[in-house]
Each structure stands twice: as structure tokens, then as C-alpha cells.
Protein backbone atom coordinates (compact mmCIF):
# COMPACT_ATOMS: atom_id res chain seq x y z
CA MET A 1 161.78 230.19 -4.63
CA ALA A 2 158.58 228.78 -2.67
CA PHE A 3 155.68 231.24 -2.48
CA ARG A 4 154.82 231.50 1.19
CA ILE A 5 151.21 232.01 2.87
CA ILE A 6 151.35 234.23 5.97
CA PRO A 7 148.33 235.16 8.37
CA LYS A 8 148.60 238.56 9.37
CA LEU A 9 147.27 239.72 12.76
CA LEU A 10 146.36 243.23 13.87
CA LEU A 11 146.55 244.19 17.63
CA ARG A 12 144.85 247.66 18.43
CA ASP A 13 144.10 248.72 21.91
CA GLY A 14 144.63 245.41 23.26
CA PHE A 15 142.19 243.59 20.72
CA LEU A 16 142.71 241.46 17.61
CA VAL A 17 140.99 243.35 15.04
CA ASP A 18 140.38 243.27 11.25
CA SER A 19 140.90 246.47 9.28
CA LEU A 20 138.98 247.87 6.42
CA ASN A 21 141.09 250.41 4.36
CA PHE A 22 143.20 251.29 7.73
CA ASN A 23 140.07 253.54 8.93
CA ARG A 24 137.53 250.86 10.16
CA TYR A 25 138.12 248.08 12.64
CA ARG A 26 136.16 245.19 13.72
CA LYS A 27 136.96 243.32 16.80
CA LEU A 28 137.55 239.57 16.73
CA GLY A 29 138.54 236.80 19.16
CA ASP A 30 141.35 236.45 21.62
CA LEU A 31 144.86 236.76 20.22
CA ARG A 32 146.36 233.66 21.97
CA GLN A 33 143.50 231.61 20.67
CA ALA A 34 144.01 232.69 16.98
CA LEU A 35 147.82 231.94 17.42
CA SER A 36 147.17 228.50 18.74
CA VAL A 37 145.12 227.90 15.88
CA TYR A 38 147.54 229.07 13.26
CA THR A 39 150.29 227.09 14.78
CA ILE A 40 148.50 223.91 14.10
CA ARG A 41 147.43 224.79 10.61
CA ASP A 42 149.99 224.66 7.70
CA VAL A 43 151.24 228.42 7.92
CA ASP A 44 154.79 229.50 6.71
CA GLU A 45 154.99 232.30 9.45
CA ILE A 46 152.74 234.62 10.98
CA ILE A 47 153.15 238.70 10.89
CA LEU A 48 151.82 240.35 14.19
CA ASN A 49 151.29 244.28 14.00
CA ILE A 50 150.64 246.56 16.56
CA SER A 51 148.39 249.49 15.29
CA ARG A 52 148.69 253.00 16.00
CA SER A 53 146.46 253.70 18.97
CA THR A 54 144.85 256.24 21.04
CA THR A 55 145.26 254.40 24.29
CA VAL A 56 148.26 253.37 26.30
CA ALA A 57 150.84 251.39 24.14
CA PRO A 58 151.13 247.47 25.06
CA ASP A 59 153.92 246.25 27.17
CA ILE A 60 155.89 244.59 24.40
CA GLU A 61 157.86 242.29 26.51
CA THR A 62 154.84 241.03 28.17
CA LEU A 63 153.04 240.64 24.76
CA LEU A 64 155.90 238.82 23.14
CA SER A 65 155.99 236.20 26.08
CA THR A 66 152.12 235.76 25.58
CA VAL A 67 152.56 235.44 21.72
CA LEU A 68 155.51 233.30 21.74
CA ASN A 69 154.03 230.71 24.46
CA GLY A 70 153.68 227.70 22.40
CA ILE A 71 153.83 229.25 19.06
CA ARG A 72 155.93 226.98 16.57
CA VAL A 73 156.12 229.09 13.24
CA PRO A 74 158.33 232.01 12.66
CA LEU A 75 157.00 235.37 13.93
CA THR A 76 157.45 238.57 12.23
CA PHE A 77 156.68 241.58 14.75
CA GLY A 78 155.70 245.01 13.71
CA GLY A 79 154.64 248.27 15.07
CA GLY A 80 156.21 250.96 17.26
CA ILE A 81 159.77 250.47 16.09
CA ALA A 82 161.29 253.96 16.34
CA VAL A 83 164.86 253.24 17.40
CA LEU A 84 167.40 250.38 17.12
CA SER A 85 167.06 249.21 20.92
CA ASP A 86 163.21 248.45 19.86
CA ALA A 87 164.17 246.17 17.21
CA ILE A 88 166.98 244.62 19.28
CA MET A 89 164.19 244.08 22.22
CA ARG A 90 161.88 242.31 20.15
CA ILE A 91 164.30 239.62 18.66
CA ARG A 92 165.70 238.94 21.80
CA GLY A 93 162.32 238.66 22.86
CA GLY A 94 161.84 235.90 20.60
CA ALA A 95 160.67 237.41 17.33
CA ASP A 96 162.40 236.05 14.12
CA ARG A 97 162.09 239.32 12.22
CA VAL A 98 160.98 242.99 12.80
CA ALA A 99 158.59 244.71 10.29
CA ILE A 100 159.39 248.42 10.22
CA GLY A 101 157.40 251.03 8.47
CA THR A 102 156.68 254.40 9.95
CA GLY A 103 160.15 254.41 11.87
CA LEU A 104 162.04 254.24 8.61
CA PHE A 105 160.47 257.43 7.40
CA LEU A 106 160.77 259.30 10.87
CA ASN A 107 164.58 258.14 11.11
CA ARG A 108 166.45 257.70 8.02
CA ALA A 109 169.33 255.71 9.86
CA LEU A 110 167.25 253.30 11.34
CA ALA A 111 167.19 250.91 8.51
CA GLY A 112 171.04 250.76 8.42
CA ASP A 113 171.10 250.58 12.18
CA VAL A 114 168.75 247.34 12.18
CA LEU A 115 170.75 245.71 9.24
CA GLY A 116 174.25 246.43 10.98
CA ALA A 117 173.29 244.99 14.16
CA LEU A 118 170.80 242.29 13.21
CA GLY A 119 171.46 241.45 9.73
CA ALA A 120 169.32 241.71 6.39
CA GLN A 121 167.33 238.56 7.40
CA ALA A 122 165.78 240.29 10.29
CA LEU A 123 164.29 243.44 8.63
CA VAL A 124 161.02 243.55 6.76
CA VAL A 125 160.40 247.03 5.24
CA CYS A 126 156.57 247.78 5.41
CA LEU A 127 155.16 250.17 2.85
CA ASP A 128 151.25 250.99 3.15
CA VAL A 129 150.22 252.44 0.07
CA ARG A 130 147.18 254.41 -1.51
CA ARG A 131 146.41 254.90 -5.20
CA SER A 132 147.06 258.47 -6.22
CA ALA A 133 146.50 260.53 -9.42
CA SER A 134 150.17 259.53 -10.16
CA GLY A 135 150.44 256.12 -9.01
CA TRP A 136 150.66 255.09 -5.50
CA SER A 137 151.65 257.25 -2.30
CA CYS A 138 153.24 255.79 0.94
CA TYR A 139 151.33 256.41 4.33
CA THR A 140 152.84 256.21 7.68
CA HIS A 141 151.33 255.95 11.37
CA SER A 142 148.56 253.51 10.35
CA GLY A 143 147.55 254.99 7.15
CA MET A 144 146.98 258.55 8.63
CA THR A 145 149.65 260.48 7.38
CA ASP A 146 150.70 260.97 3.62
CA THR A 147 154.76 261.02 3.29
CA LYS A 148 154.30 262.94 -0.22
CA MET A 149 156.66 260.12 -1.43
CA ASP A 150 155.49 257.62 -4.03
CA VAL A 151 156.19 253.77 -3.55
CA PHE A 152 158.81 253.75 -6.22
CA SER A 153 160.98 256.60 -4.67
CA ALA A 154 160.54 254.99 -1.35
CA ILE A 155 161.68 251.60 -2.79
CA GLU A 156 164.71 253.18 -4.46
CA ILE A 157 166.07 254.79 -1.15
CA LEU A 158 165.38 251.72 0.88
CA GLN A 159 166.47 248.94 -1.33
CA ASN A 160 170.07 250.52 -1.37
CA GLN A 161 169.92 249.31 2.39
CA LEU A 162 169.53 245.79 1.28
CA PRO A 163 166.84 244.82 3.58
CA GLY A 164 165.68 241.01 3.64
CA GLU A 165 162.27 241.82 2.29
CA PHE A 166 159.52 244.29 1.64
CA LEU A 167 156.06 243.98 2.81
CA ILE A 168 153.87 246.26 0.69
CA THR A 169 150.32 246.59 1.67
CA SER A 170 147.41 248.27 -0.42
CA ILE A 171 145.30 250.11 1.96
CA ASP A 172 142.71 250.70 -0.68
CA ASN A 173 142.20 246.99 -0.88
CA THR A 174 142.81 245.85 2.66
CA GLY A 175 139.83 243.89 4.17
CA SER A 176 137.72 244.22 1.00
CA ARG A 177 138.36 240.68 -0.27
CA ARG A 178 138.17 241.93 -3.78
CA GLY A 179 141.56 240.77 -4.80
CA PHE A 180 145.09 242.29 -4.38
CA ASP A 181 146.29 245.29 -6.38
CA LEU A 182 148.02 243.53 -9.31
CA ASP A 183 148.78 246.80 -11.09
CA LEU A 184 150.90 247.65 -8.01
CA TYR A 185 153.07 244.67 -7.73
CA GLU A 186 153.28 244.29 -11.39
CA ALA A 187 154.76 248.07 -11.61
CA ILE A 188 157.05 247.17 -8.74
CA SER A 189 158.24 244.07 -10.47
CA LYS A 190 158.98 245.71 -13.66
CA ARG A 191 161.30 248.33 -11.96
CA PHE A 192 162.85 246.59 -9.06
CA ASP A 193 164.50 243.09 -8.40
CA ILE A 194 163.60 242.87 -4.72
CA SER A 195 161.88 240.30 -2.68
CA VAL A 196 158.17 241.24 -1.86
CA ILE A 197 155.24 240.18 0.20
CA ALA A 198 151.74 241.39 -0.87
CA SER A 199 149.09 242.34 1.36
CA GLY A 200 145.57 243.87 0.90
CA GLY A 201 142.56 242.30 -0.51
CA ALA A 202 142.68 238.52 -0.69
CA GLY A 203 139.22 236.91 -1.09
CA THR A 204 139.45 233.89 -3.16
CA LEU A 205 141.64 231.05 -4.06
CA ALA A 206 142.25 232.62 -7.35
CA HIS A 207 143.55 235.84 -5.97
CA PHE A 208 146.39 234.16 -4.56
CA LEU A 209 147.21 232.21 -8.11
CA ASP A 210 147.00 235.58 -9.95
CA LEU A 211 149.63 237.13 -7.46
CA SER A 212 152.09 234.08 -7.72
CA GLU A 213 152.41 234.79 -11.59
CA ILE A 214 154.11 237.97 -10.81
CA LYS A 215 157.97 238.14 -10.73
CA GLY A 216 159.62 239.00 -7.39
CA LEU A 217 156.46 238.02 -5.43
CA ARG A 218 157.63 235.77 -2.60
CA GLY A 219 154.44 235.35 -0.57
CA ALA A 220 151.06 236.90 0.32
CA ALA A 221 149.97 237.92 3.84
CA ALA A 222 146.24 237.87 4.26
CA ALA A 223 143.75 238.66 7.29
CA SER A 224 140.20 238.78 6.49
CA ILE A 225 140.07 235.68 4.27
CA PHE A 226 140.79 233.65 7.27
CA HIS A 227 138.83 235.59 9.89
CA PHE A 228 135.47 235.70 7.56
CA THR A 229 135.58 232.69 5.20
CA GLN A 230 136.10 228.89 5.52
CA ILE A 231 139.37 229.17 3.52
CA ARG A 232 142.42 227.86 5.45
CA PRO A 233 146.06 228.43 4.50
CA LYS A 234 146.48 224.65 3.60
CA ASP A 235 143.53 225.15 1.02
CA ILE A 236 145.24 227.99 -0.61
CA LYS A 237 148.67 225.92 -0.69
CA ASP A 238 146.72 222.83 -1.96
CA TYR A 239 145.22 225.06 -4.79
CA LEU A 240 148.62 226.72 -5.79
CA ARG A 241 150.27 223.26 -5.97
CA SER A 242 147.64 221.84 -8.03
CA ASN A 243 148.12 224.76 -10.38
CA GLY A 244 151.81 224.11 -10.66
CA VAL A 245 153.05 226.89 -8.04
CA ASP A 246 155.84 225.76 -5.70
CA VAL A 247 154.89 226.39 -2.15
CA ARG A 248 156.50 225.44 1.11
CA ARG A 249 155.68 222.28 2.77
CA SER A 250 155.50 222.44 6.66
């Protein structure tokens, strides 16, 4: 299966932002401008996530209409999905998939509800994790709440629901550009036969190559590398292809 390169966009308080470890946020440009740039670049899909905010939540239907105006790549939409109707509204609004994290911990029936109504291809399970003394712990509410559950236990529970994919983000590495947490993804690969998108830490072309060599890794989601360096998704794909990695062609 071809390895995918996926820009990850974060919206907080109405602004496009970049996150450092989920606790420092830098305001960037306009969301619509960023989307228009990515739609003409060699990207496989876009992940748009609405971060937990202290202000009024955005009108999702209006936001979807804005986002999807002219977009020509698949969109995975995450944030604020607590019940089945939230997921259905986003799919009916034009999103290709929904990404759910916090909602799955608060509502244990949600994964099954979404899968039953929309199918496995429509659900991406999001796990945000931090290193702990015993491994990696899952956090919810944009990294604010420790679930007291390790990532392996969470995967064990959720994989039985047969979701389409897992998006697993290293909070420790997010925004650092120091590389992906390879130990995390290798440990998951050894224990589970699941499809994983890795996120958090991409800073060089070599970081993507290192990640692509891990079994079960289907792609990489990244943000800071695209916001603050000259590296484009196409550059990553060309580099991976030159090193024998199967990547999607647009």
C-alpha cells in the first residue's frame, strides 16, 4: 500500500495555528489560503482539526462550506465530535472521513455507532499520547486530560471495532521538528496489525524515510515542516520515491 503524505491543519479560536506540544500555539495565515495552496500541491489528503477552545465553538456547517469551496483532495475533519449526529453532519457536509479522539473516550458506544452508520472507511481513530514512566499515555481534550490509559490498552479496545485507520500523535514531538517518535510506532507495529498514520515531529526529508520503514505505517501527517520550512509535500514524495518507497501519485 502506498505511503501517504498528509498536511495537518489546526484551527483554534477561528485562527489557523501551529502547535508546540499542544500547549503553545502560534497564529498563522488564513485557512482558506492554506487550503488553496495545498489543493494545487501534491498532497494525498488534508486533515483539518478544530482544537479545544475557550471561546464560542465555530459553526461547523459554515466552516465546512468554506473549507470545501474549491478543495480538490480528500478531507478528514476532526474536533468536537461527541455523538453520531456530529459525525453524520460532517460527512453530509462534504468531509470524506471524520477523525474522533476525545469523543471515543467519553462515549464508548460512539465508535460502533459511527461504523454502523457510515462504515469503517469513514472513521479515523485519533490517539494523542505522551511518554510516561511505563510507556505512552493517552490524553484527551487537546492534551489537557490524562485518561490514565496507555496507548496499547486503547488500541486493544478500539481495534475490535474495526475502524478504518488510527491517527496517532506524539504530543511530546509535535511542533519540535526533531523527528517522529519511532519507538512509539515500532512498539505499536510489533503488537498490532492496524493501519496507522503517524503525526508529530517531522522536520526533515529523512524523518519520513525512517518512518516509512516501519510495518503498518500508512502515512505521515505533518504541519510545522510545511509552515516553517521550504519543504513541500512533493519534495517528500520525490525523496521517498528515490529511496524505493511506494508513494501515491496525484
